[in-house]
């Protein structure tokens, strides 16, 4: 059996069905004697370019160890599922079990809470119509 990294993008309108899809693919892999080393649901994210007039999609990453027949079944399932916009399968040398950089950054970010209102940096004159020029070099040159 070989190790593979699979990323698939799900239509954003089908995001609520992603857990069911993941379970279906997990049972397919486990039923054929394969192993899932890493499974990450990255959630809804911005696409690099529009796909089918969509700018967001639901991302899922799986690192699995399966045979060729099981991989073919998975890819066929991806191809014929209309909810899956794109999929990518990469053969890896060994199992990947560490969290990806995306998941690490999600875990390390603290809650920001409420933002303070922005402070205006420019100085206004008494009328409030325009900015006061604080640069003296312009007045000396005139």
N, C-alpha and C. Protein backbone atom coordinates (compact mmCIF):
# COMPACT_ATOMS: atom_id res chain seq x y z
N UNK A 1 0.84 -1.19 0.00
CA UNK A 1 0.00 0.00 0.00
C UNK A 1 0.88 1.24 0.00
N UNK A 2 0.37 2.29 -0.62
CA UNK A 2 1.12 3.54 -0.73
C UNK A 2 0.43 4.64 0.07
N UNK A 3 1.20 5.69 0.32
CA UNK A 3 0.69 6.84 1.06
C UNK A 3 0.29 7.93 0.06
N UNK A 4 -0.85 8.55 0.32
CA UNK A 4 -1.36 9.60 -0.55
C UNK A 4 -1.85 10.77 0.28
N UNK A 5 -1.73 11.96 -0.31
CA UNK A 5 -2.32 13.17 0.27
C UNK A 5 -3.40 13.62 -0.69
N UNK A 6 -4.59 13.80 -0.18
CA UNK A 6 -5.75 14.15 -1.01
C UNK A 6 -6.37 15.43 -0.46
N UNK A 7 -6.60 16.38 -1.35
CA UNK A 7 -7.33 17.59 -1.01
C UNK A 7 -8.51 17.67 -1.97
N UNK A 8 -9.70 17.90 -1.43
CA UNK A 8 -10.84 18.11 -2.31
C UNK A 8 -11.64 19.32 -1.85
N UNK A 9 -12.22 20.00 -2.84
CA UNK A 9 -12.98 21.23 -2.61
C UNK A 9 -14.46 20.93 -2.84
N UNK A 10 -15.27 21.30 -1.86
CA UNK A 10 -16.71 21.04 -1.91
C UNK A 10 -17.43 22.36 -2.17
N UNK A 11 -18.48 22.30 -2.97
CA UNK A 11 -19.31 23.47 -3.27
C UNK A 11 -19.76 24.11 -1.96
N UNK A 12 -19.68 25.44 -1.84
CA UNK A 12 -20.02 26.08 -0.55
C UNK A 12 -21.47 25.87 -0.13
N UNK A 13 -22.38 25.66 -1.08
CA UNK A 13 -23.78 25.40 -0.71
C UNK A 13 -23.96 24.01 -0.09
N UNK A 14 -22.98 23.14 -0.26
CA UNK A 14 -23.05 21.77 0.26
C UNK A 14 -22.21 21.59 1.53
N UNK A 15 -21.81 22.69 2.18
CA UNK A 15 -20.93 22.61 3.35
C UNK A 15 -21.52 21.78 4.48
N UNK A 16 -22.83 21.79 4.63
CA UNK A 16 -23.43 21.03 5.72
C UNK A 16 -23.36 19.52 5.46
N UNK A 17 -23.11 19.11 4.23
CA UNK A 17 -23.00 17.69 3.91
C UNK A 17 -21.57 17.16 3.99
N UNK A 18 -20.60 18.03 4.29
CA UNK A 18 -19.20 17.62 4.33
C UNK A 18 -18.94 16.54 5.37
N UNK A 19 -19.46 16.63 6.61
CA UNK A 19 -19.21 15.54 7.56
C UNK A 19 -19.69 14.17 7.06
N UNK A 20 -20.81 14.13 6.37
CA UNK A 20 -21.30 12.88 5.79
C UNK A 20 -20.37 12.35 4.70
N UNK A 21 -19.86 13.27 3.88
CA UNK A 21 -18.91 12.87 2.83
C UNK A 21 -17.64 12.30 3.44
N UNK A 22 -17.15 12.97 4.48
CA UNK A 22 -15.92 12.52 5.14
C UNK A 22 -16.12 11.13 5.71
N UNK A 23 -17.26 10.89 6.36
CA UNK A 23 -17.55 9.57 6.92
C UNK A 23 -17.61 8.50 5.82
N UNK A 24 -18.22 8.84 4.69
CA UNK A 24 -18.31 7.90 3.59
C UNK A 24 -16.92 7.52 3.08
N UNK A 25 -16.04 8.53 2.93
CA UNK A 25 -14.69 8.25 2.44
C UNK A 25 -13.86 7.52 3.49
N UNK A 26 -14.08 7.82 4.77
CA UNK A 26 -13.37 7.11 5.83
C UNK A 26 -13.75 5.63 5.84
N UNK A 27 -15.03 5.32 5.70
CA UNK A 27 -15.45 3.92 5.69
C UNK A 27 -14.95 3.20 4.44
N UNK A 28 -14.87 3.91 3.32
CA UNK A 28 -14.33 3.30 2.10
C UNK A 28 -12.86 2.93 2.28
N UNK A 29 -12.09 3.85 2.88
CA UNK A 29 -10.66 3.59 3.10
C UNK A 29 -10.47 2.48 4.13
N UNK A 30 -11.19 2.55 5.25
CA UNK A 30 -11.03 1.55 6.31
C UNK A 30 -11.57 0.19 5.89
N UNK A 31 -12.61 0.17 5.08
CA UNK A 31 -13.21 -1.09 4.64
C UNK A 31 -12.29 -1.90 3.75
N UNK A 32 -11.39 -1.24 3.07
CA UNK A 32 -10.45 -1.93 2.18
C UNK A 32 -9.11 -2.19 2.85
N UNK A 33 -9.02 -1.97 4.16
CA UNK A 33 -7.78 -2.24 4.88
C UNK A 33 -6.80 -1.08 4.88
N UNK A 34 -7.25 0.09 4.49
CA UNK A 34 -6.37 1.26 4.47
C UNK A 34 -6.37 1.98 5.82
N UNK A 35 -5.51 2.98 5.93
CA UNK A 35 -5.41 3.76 7.16
C UNK A 35 -5.49 5.24 6.82
N UNK A 36 -6.12 6.00 7.73
CA UNK A 36 -6.14 7.45 7.60
C UNK A 36 -5.17 7.99 8.63
N UNK A 37 -4.10 8.63 8.16
CA UNK A 37 -3.09 9.16 9.06
C UNK A 37 -3.41 10.58 9.51
N UNK A 38 -4.05 11.36 8.65
CA UNK A 38 -4.40 12.74 9.01
C UNK A 38 -5.66 13.10 8.25
N UNK A 39 -6.59 13.75 8.95
CA UNK A 39 -7.83 14.22 8.34
C UNK A 39 -8.11 15.61 8.89
N UNK A 40 -8.14 16.60 8.02
CA UNK A 40 -8.36 17.98 8.45
C UNK A 40 -9.47 18.61 7.62
N UNK A 41 -10.41 19.20 8.31
CA UNK A 41 -11.48 19.96 7.67
C UNK A 41 -11.11 21.43 7.80
N UNK A 42 -10.65 22.03 6.71
CA UNK A 42 -10.18 23.42 6.74
C UNK A 42 -11.33 24.41 6.69
N UNK A 43 -12.52 23.96 6.40
CA UNK A 43 -13.66 24.85 6.37
C UNK A 43 -13.76 25.62 5.07
N UNK A 44 -14.62 26.62 5.09
CA UNK A 44 -14.86 27.44 3.89
C UNK A 44 -13.76 28.47 3.76
N UNK A 45 -13.10 28.48 2.60
CA UNK A 45 -11.97 29.37 2.36
C UNK A 45 -12.10 30.01 0.98
N UNK A 46 -11.40 31.12 0.83
CA UNK A 46 -11.35 31.84 -0.44
C UNK A 46 -10.58 31.02 -1.48
N UNK A 47 -11.07 30.98 -2.71
CA UNK A 47 -10.36 30.31 -3.79
C UNK A 47 -9.35 31.26 -4.41
N UNK A 48 -8.29 30.73 -4.98
CA UNK A 48 -7.29 31.56 -5.64
C UNK A 48 -7.85 32.17 -6.92
N UNK A 49 -8.76 31.48 -7.57
CA UNK A 49 -9.40 31.98 -8.78
C UNK A 49 -10.81 31.39 -8.81
N UNK A 50 -11.74 32.05 -9.48
CA UNK A 50 -13.12 31.53 -9.51
C UNK A 50 -13.21 30.19 -10.23
N UNK A 51 -13.98 29.29 -9.65
CA UNK A 51 -14.29 28.00 -10.25
C UNK A 51 -15.80 27.93 -10.37
N UNK A 52 -16.30 27.80 -11.58
CA UNK A 52 -17.75 27.73 -11.84
C UNK A 52 -18.46 28.94 -11.21
N UNK A 53 -17.88 30.11 -11.37
CA UNK A 53 -18.41 31.38 -10.84
C UNK A 53 -18.52 31.39 -9.32
N UNK A 54 -17.71 30.61 -8.64
CA UNK A 54 -17.68 30.58 -7.18
C UNK A 54 -16.34 31.13 -6.72
N UNK A 55 -16.34 31.87 -5.61
CA UNK A 55 -15.10 32.43 -5.08
C UNK A 55 -14.70 31.78 -3.76
N UNK A 56 -15.56 30.93 -3.20
CA UNK A 56 -15.25 30.22 -1.96
C UNK A 56 -15.59 28.74 -2.14
N UNK A 57 -14.93 27.91 -1.34
CA UNK A 57 -15.22 26.48 -1.34
C UNK A 57 -14.84 25.91 0.03
N UNK A 58 -15.34 24.74 0.33
CA UNK A 58 -15.06 24.04 1.58
C UNK A 58 -13.91 23.07 1.31
N UNK A 59 -12.80 23.23 2.04
CA UNK A 59 -11.59 22.43 1.82
C UNK A 59 -11.51 21.28 2.82
N UNK A 60 -11.08 20.10 2.33
CA UNK A 60 -10.85 18.94 3.19
C UNK A 60 -9.53 18.29 2.75
N UNK A 61 -8.68 17.96 3.73
CA UNK A 61 -7.39 17.30 3.47
C UNK A 61 -7.38 15.94 4.13
N UNK A 62 -6.89 14.93 3.41
CA UNK A 62 -6.75 13.58 3.97
C UNK A 62 -5.38 13.04 3.60
N UNK A 63 -4.69 12.46 4.56
CA UNK A 63 -3.47 11.69 4.30
C UNK A 63 -3.81 10.25 4.61
N UNK A 64 -3.73 9.41 3.59
CA UNK A 64 -4.19 8.03 3.73
C UNK A 64 -3.14 7.06 3.21
N UNK A 65 -3.31 5.81 3.61
CA UNK A 65 -2.48 4.71 3.12
C UNK A 65 -3.44 3.65 2.58
N UNK A 66 -3.47 3.52 1.25
CA UNK A 66 -4.42 2.60 0.60
C UNK A 66 -3.77 1.92 -0.60
N UNK A 67 -4.45 0.93 -1.11
CA UNK A 67 -4.03 0.26 -2.33
C UNK A 67 -4.57 1.00 -3.55
N UNK A 68 -4.11 0.58 -4.71
CA UNK A 68 -4.49 1.26 -5.95
C UNK A 68 -5.98 1.14 -6.25
N UNK A 69 -6.58 -0.01 -5.97
CA UNK A 69 -8.00 -0.21 -6.25
C UNK A 69 -8.86 0.74 -5.41
N UNK A 70 -8.51 0.90 -4.14
CA UNK A 70 -9.26 1.80 -3.27
C UNK A 70 -9.08 3.25 -3.71
N UNK A 71 -7.87 3.61 -4.11
CA UNK A 71 -7.62 4.97 -4.60
C UNK A 71 -8.46 5.24 -5.84
N UNK A 72 -8.54 4.27 -6.73
CA UNK A 72 -9.36 4.43 -7.94
C UNK A 72 -10.83 4.63 -7.58
N UNK A 73 -11.32 3.90 -6.57
CA UNK A 73 -12.71 4.07 -6.12
C UNK A 73 -12.93 5.47 -5.56
N UNK A 74 -11.96 5.97 -4.78
CA UNK A 74 -12.07 7.32 -4.22
C UNK A 74 -12.12 8.37 -5.33
N UNK A 75 -11.19 8.28 -6.27
CA UNK A 75 -11.13 9.26 -7.36
C UNK A 75 -12.39 9.21 -8.21
N UNK A 76 -12.90 8.02 -8.44
CA UNK A 76 -14.15 7.89 -9.20
C UNK A 76 -15.30 8.54 -8.44
N UNK A 77 -15.32 8.36 -7.13
CA UNK A 77 -16.34 9.01 -6.31
C UNK A 77 -16.23 10.53 -6.35
N UNK A 78 -15.01 11.04 -6.35
CA UNK A 78 -14.81 12.49 -6.47
C UNK A 78 -15.30 13.00 -7.82
N UNK A 79 -14.98 12.26 -8.87
CA UNK A 79 -15.30 12.70 -10.22
C UNK A 79 -16.80 12.76 -10.47
N UNK A 80 -17.53 11.80 -9.93
CA UNK A 80 -18.96 11.73 -10.21
C UNK A 80 -19.82 12.42 -9.15
N UNK A 81 -19.21 13.02 -8.16
CA UNK A 81 -19.94 13.78 -7.15
C UNK A 81 -19.98 15.24 -7.60
N UNK A 82 -21.17 15.75 -7.89
CA UNK A 82 -21.31 17.12 -8.39
C UNK A 82 -20.96 18.16 -7.34
N UNK A 83 -21.00 17.79 -6.06
CA UNK A 83 -20.68 18.74 -5.00
C UNK A 83 -19.18 19.01 -4.91
N UNK A 84 -18.35 18.12 -5.43
CA UNK A 84 -16.90 18.30 -5.37
C UNK A 84 -16.45 19.06 -6.61
N UNK A 85 -15.90 20.27 -6.37
CA UNK A 85 -15.47 21.13 -7.47
C UNK A 85 -14.14 20.67 -8.06
N UNK A 86 -13.17 20.37 -7.19
CA UNK A 86 -11.84 19.95 -7.61
C UNK A 86 -11.30 18.94 -6.60
N UNK A 87 -10.38 18.11 -7.06
CA UNK A 87 -9.66 17.21 -6.15
C UNK A 87 -8.23 17.07 -6.64
N UNK A 88 -7.33 16.79 -5.71
CA UNK A 88 -5.92 16.62 -6.03
C UNK A 88 -5.40 15.44 -5.21
N UNK A 89 -4.74 14.50 -5.88
CA UNK A 89 -4.16 13.33 -5.22
C UNK A 89 -2.66 13.37 -5.47
N UNK A 90 -1.87 13.33 -4.40
CA UNK A 90 -0.41 13.35 -4.49
C UNK A 90 0.12 12.12 -3.77
N UNK A 91 1.02 11.39 -4.42
CA UNK A 91 1.65 10.24 -3.76
C UNK A 91 2.77 10.75 -2.86
N UNK A 92 2.81 10.25 -1.63
CA UNK A 92 3.81 10.67 -0.65
C UNK A 92 4.74 9.50 -0.34
N UNK A 93 5.92 9.83 0.18
CA UNK A 93 6.88 8.79 0.52
C UNK A 93 6.53 8.07 1.82
N UNK A 94 5.94 8.78 2.76
CA UNK A 94 5.60 8.18 4.04
C UNK A 94 4.37 8.85 4.62
N UNK A 95 3.95 8.40 5.80
CA UNK A 95 2.76 8.99 6.41
C UNK A 95 3.03 10.39 6.94
N UNK A 96 2.07 11.26 6.77
CA UNK A 96 2.12 12.62 7.31
C UNK A 96 1.10 12.67 8.45
N UNK A 97 1.58 12.92 9.66
CA UNK A 97 0.67 12.93 10.81
C UNK A 97 0.63 14.28 11.51
N UNK A 98 1.59 15.14 11.25
CA UNK A 98 1.61 16.45 11.91
C UNK A 98 0.53 17.35 11.32
N UNK A 99 -0.01 18.26 12.13
CA UNK A 99 -1.00 19.20 11.58
C UNK A 99 -0.35 20.12 10.55
N UNK A 100 -1.12 20.52 9.56
CA UNK A 100 -0.62 21.43 8.54
C UNK A 100 -0.47 22.83 9.12
N UNK A 101 0.17 23.70 8.37
CA UNK A 101 0.38 25.08 8.81
C UNK A 101 -0.95 25.80 9.01
N UNK A 102 -1.93 25.47 8.21
CA UNK A 102 -3.25 26.10 8.35
C UNK A 102 -3.87 25.73 9.69
N UNK A 103 -3.81 24.48 10.07
CA UNK A 103 -4.40 24.06 11.34
C UNK A 103 -3.59 24.57 12.53
N UNK A 104 -2.26 24.64 12.39
CA UNK A 104 -1.44 25.19 13.47
C UNK A 104 -1.78 26.64 13.72
N UNK A 105 -1.95 27.41 12.64
CA UNK A 105 -2.25 28.83 12.80
C UNK A 105 -3.63 29.03 13.41
N UNK A 106 -4.58 28.15 13.10
CA UNK A 106 -5.91 28.24 13.71
C UNK A 106 -5.83 27.96 15.21
N UNK A 107 -4.99 26.99 15.60
CA UNK A 107 -4.87 26.63 17.01
C UNK A 107 -4.14 27.69 17.82
N UNK A 108 -3.17 28.37 17.21
CA UNK A 108 -2.34 29.32 17.94
C UNK A 108 -2.94 30.71 18.05
N UNK A 109 -3.87 31.05 17.18
CA UNK A 109 -4.44 32.40 17.19
C UNK A 109 -5.38 32.56 18.38
N UNK A 110 -5.12 33.54 19.23
CA UNK A 110 -6.07 33.81 20.31
C UNK A 110 -7.25 34.62 19.77
N UNK A 111 -8.34 34.61 20.51
CA UNK A 111 -9.47 35.43 20.12
C UNK A 111 -9.11 36.90 20.23
N UNK A 112 -9.43 37.66 19.21
CA UNK A 112 -9.05 39.06 19.18
C UNK A 112 -10.04 39.94 19.93
N UNK A 113 -11.25 39.50 20.07
CA UNK A 113 -12.24 40.30 20.75
C UNK A 113 -12.67 41.47 19.88
N UNK A 114 -13.20 42.50 20.53
CA UNK A 114 -13.66 43.69 19.82
C UNK A 114 -12.49 44.58 19.44
N UNK A 115 -12.58 45.17 18.28
CA UNK A 115 -11.55 46.10 17.83
C UNK A 115 -11.91 47.50 18.31
N UNK A 116 -10.89 48.26 18.66
CA UNK A 116 -11.10 49.65 19.04
C UNK A 116 -11.37 50.46 17.79
N UNK A 117 -12.13 51.55 17.90
CA UNK A 117 -12.36 52.38 16.72
C UNK A 117 -11.05 52.99 16.23
N UNK A 118 -10.95 53.18 14.93
CA UNK A 118 -9.73 53.74 14.34
C UNK A 118 -9.59 55.20 14.71
N UNK A 119 -8.38 55.60 15.01
CA UNK A 119 -8.06 56.99 15.30
C UNK A 119 -7.59 57.67 14.03
N UNK A 120 -8.06 58.85 13.78
CA UNK A 120 -7.62 59.60 12.62
C UNK A 120 -6.29 60.25 12.90
N UNK A 121 -5.34 60.13 11.99
CA UNK A 121 -4.01 60.64 12.22
C UNK A 121 -3.81 62.06 11.71
N UNK A 122 -4.63 62.51 10.82
CA UNK A 122 -4.44 63.85 10.27
C UNK A 122 -5.02 64.89 11.23
N UNK A 123 -4.43 66.07 11.23
CA UNK A 123 -4.87 67.17 12.09
C UNK A 123 -5.78 68.07 11.26
N UNK A 124 -6.96 68.38 11.77
CA UNK A 124 -7.91 69.22 11.05
C UNK A 124 -7.86 70.64 11.62
N UNK A 125 -8.17 71.62 10.75
CA UNK A 125 -8.22 73.00 11.23
C UNK A 125 -9.54 73.24 11.93
N UNK A 126 -9.78 74.46 12.39
CA UNK A 126 -10.96 74.78 13.19
C UNK A 126 -12.27 74.57 12.43
N UNK A 127 -12.27 74.83 11.12
CA UNK A 127 -13.50 74.68 10.34
C UNK A 127 -13.85 73.23 10.07
N UNK A 128 -12.86 72.35 10.17
CA UNK A 128 -13.09 70.94 9.88
C UNK A 128 -13.13 70.67 8.39
N UNK A 129 -12.74 71.67 7.57
CA UNK A 129 -12.83 71.51 6.13
C UNK A 129 -11.62 70.83 5.52
N UNK A 130 -10.45 71.11 6.00
CA UNK A 130 -9.27 70.56 5.36
C UNK A 130 -8.21 70.25 6.39
N UNK A 131 -7.14 69.68 5.92
CA UNK A 131 -6.05 69.34 6.81
C UNK A 131 -5.12 70.53 6.98
N UNK A 132 -4.58 70.68 8.16
CA UNK A 132 -3.62 71.73 8.44
C UNK A 132 -2.26 71.25 7.96
N UNK A 133 -1.55 72.08 7.23
CA UNK A 133 -0.23 71.72 6.72
C UNK A 133 0.79 71.98 7.81
N UNK A 134 1.45 70.93 8.25
CA UNK A 134 2.44 71.08 9.31
C UNK A 134 3.85 71.14 8.76
N UNK A 135 4.01 71.06 7.44
CA UNK A 135 5.33 71.09 6.82
C UNK A 135 5.69 72.55 6.55
N UNK A 136 6.74 73.06 7.21
CA UNK A 136 7.12 74.46 7.08
C UNK A 136 7.89 74.74 5.81
N UNK A 137 8.44 73.73 5.16
CA UNK A 137 9.24 73.95 3.96
C UNK A 137 8.40 74.49 2.82
N UNK A 138 7.10 74.18 2.77
CA UNK A 138 6.24 74.69 1.71
C UNK A 138 6.00 76.18 1.86
N UNK A 139 5.85 76.68 3.09
CA UNK A 139 5.58 78.11 3.29
C UNK A 139 6.82 78.94 3.06
N UNK A 140 8.00 78.44 3.32
CA UNK A 140 9.24 79.18 3.10
C UNK A 140 9.56 79.29 1.62
N UNK A 141 9.21 78.30 0.83
CA UNK A 141 9.52 78.32 -0.60
C UNK A 141 8.65 79.30 -1.34
N UNK A 142 7.48 79.69 -0.83
CA UNK A 142 6.55 80.58 -1.52
C UNK A 142 6.87 82.02 -1.36
